[in-house]
Amino acid sequence: MSEIANTPKAPYYAVIFTNHRTDGDNGYGAMADRMVELAAEQAGFLGVESARDSVGITISYWKDLKSIKLWKQNTEHLLAQKNGKSIWYAEFKVRISKVERDYGFSI
């Protein structure tokens, strides 16, 4: 079971990245690990959740839109984006949403 991000009280933002991968790893696993590590170092980063079955879904949580914009412009992240388009993804979609409310349950 993957970790559920421990986000603060809303409001905050979610970047929802859904994708279909191409065949083979081609360096994807190492870069994906590096992107999580790098994102965690960015100002405004709140957490990340990821799952993969037939569709990959990664949701990163951010304090504000400025933090998301700065992350998108990060030099290493720009390289990962370029490789994503040319090597790793058959298709993807990014959605940015404001989280107005959240609640949950845990044993």
Protein backbone atom coordinates (compact mmCIF):
# COMPACT_ATOMS: atom_id res chain seq x y z
CA MET A 1 0.00 0.00 0.00
CA SER A 2 1.37 3.44 -0.87
CA GLU A 3 1.48 6.29 1.58
CA ILE A 4 -1.33 8.81 1.80
CA ALA A 5 0.05 12.34 1.95
CA ASN A 6 -0.40 14.16 5.25
CA THR A 7 -1.69 17.46 3.91
CA PRO A 8 -2.50 20.55 5.96
CA LYS A 9 -5.91 22.07 6.49
CA ALA A 10 -7.42 23.20 3.17
CA PRO A 11 -7.19 25.22 1.05
CA TYR A 12 -4.15 24.05 -0.90
CA TYR A 13 -3.54 22.85 -4.45
CA ALA A 14 -3.28 19.45 -6.14
CA VAL A 15 -1.46 18.72 -9.39
CA ILE A 16 -3.00 15.55 -10.83
CA PHE A 17 -0.81 13.81 -13.40
CA THR A 18 -2.41 10.88 -15.23
CA ASN A 19 -0.59 8.89 -17.88
CA HIS A 20 -0.14 5.82 -20.02
CA ARG A 21 3.47 4.64 -20.18
CA THR A 22 5.40 3.37 -23.15
CA ASP A 23 6.97 -0.10 -22.96
CA GLY A 24 10.15 -0.60 -20.96
CA ASP A 25 11.70 1.36 -18.11
CA ASN A 26 14.25 3.34 -20.15
CA GLY A 27 15.46 5.14 -17.01
CA TYR A 28 11.95 6.06 -15.91
CA GLY A 29 12.10 4.49 -12.42
CA ALA A 30 15.26 6.35 -11.41
CA MET A 31 13.94 9.65 -12.76
CA ALA A 32 10.57 9.21 -11.05
CA ASP A 33 12.33 8.60 -7.73
CA ARG A 34 14.52 11.65 -8.30
CA MET A 35 11.50 13.84 -9.10
CA VAL A 36 9.81 12.91 -5.80
CA GLU A 37 13.05 13.61 -3.95
CA LEU A 38 13.54 16.93 -5.74
CA ALA A 39 9.91 18.03 -5.35
CA ALA A 40 10.17 17.43 -1.60
CA GLU A 41 12.99 20.01 -1.50
CA GLN A 42 10.86 22.70 -3.19
CA ALA A 43 9.24 25.53 -1.26
CA GLY A 44 5.51 24.97 -0.96
CA PHE A 45 5.59 21.18 -1.50
CA LEU A 46 3.14 19.40 0.81
CA GLY A 47 3.23 15.75 -0.27
CA VAL A 48 2.69 13.23 -3.05
CA GLU A 49 0.63 10.11 -3.74
CA SER A 50 1.08 7.75 -6.66
CA ALA A 51 -0.55 4.60 -8.03
CA ARG A 52 -0.18 2.59 -11.21
CA ASP A 53 -2.38 -0.03 -12.76
CA SER A 54 -3.35 0.41 -16.39
CA VAL A 55 -3.26 4.18 -15.83
CA GLY A 56 -0.60 5.90 -13.75
CA ILE A 57 -1.82 8.61 -11.39
CA THR A 58 0.45 10.87 -9.36
CA ILE A 59 -0.97 13.67 -7.26
CA SER A 60 1.36 16.24 -5.77
CA TYR A 61 0.11 18.75 -3.23
CA TRP A 62 1.28 22.35 -3.05
CA LYS A 63 0.78 25.39 -0.84
CA ASP A 64 -0.05 27.76 -3.69
CA LEU A 65 -0.01 28.31 -7.46
CA LYS A 66 3.35 30.12 -7.27
CA SER A 67 4.98 26.97 -5.83
CA ILE A 68 3.52 24.87 -8.66
CA LYS A 69 4.81 27.32 -11.27
CA LEU A 70 8.31 27.29 -9.78
CA TRP A 71 8.29 23.47 -9.71
CA LYS A 72 7.27 23.32 -13.37
CA GLN A 73 10.26 25.55 -14.21
CA ASN A 74 12.84 23.55 -12.19
CA THR A 75 15.78 22.61 -14.45
CA GLU A 76 15.80 18.88 -13.61
CA HIS A 77 12.03 18.74 -13.81
CA LEU A 78 12.19 20.36 -17.28
CA LEU A 79 14.50 17.54 -18.41
CA ALA A 80 12.10 14.93 -17.00
CA GLN A 81 9.22 16.62 -18.82
CA LYS A 82 11.17 16.51 -22.10
CA ASN A 83 12.01 12.82 -21.63
CA GLY A 84 8.42 12.11 -20.66
CA LYS A 85 7.20 13.42 -24.00
CA SER A 86 9.90 11.74 -26.07
CA ILE A 87 10.52 8.44 -24.21
CA TRP A 88 8.30 7.47 -21.26
CA TYR A 89 4.69 8.40 -21.98
CA ALA A 90 2.31 7.40 -24.74
CA GLU A 91 -0.01 10.09 -23.39
CA PHE A 92 -0.52 12.18 -20.27
CA LYS A 93 -2.73 14.88 -18.82
CA VAL A 94 -2.04 17.40 -16.06
CA ARG A 95 -4.82 18.96 -14.03
CA ILE A 96 -4.37 21.61 -11.35
CA SER A 97 -7.09 21.90 -8.74
CA LYS A 98 -7.71 23.87 -5.59
CA VAL A 99 -8.58 21.63 -2.66
CA GLU A 100 -11.36 23.38 -0.77
CA ARG A 101 -12.02 20.65 1.77
CA ASP A 102 -10.60 17.32 2.80
CA TYR A 103 -11.45 14.68 5.36
CA GLY A 104 -10.55 11.08 5.99
CA PHE A 105 -10.44 8.00 8.16
CA SER A 106 -7.58 5.92 9.49
CA ILE A 107 -7.33 2.85 11.70
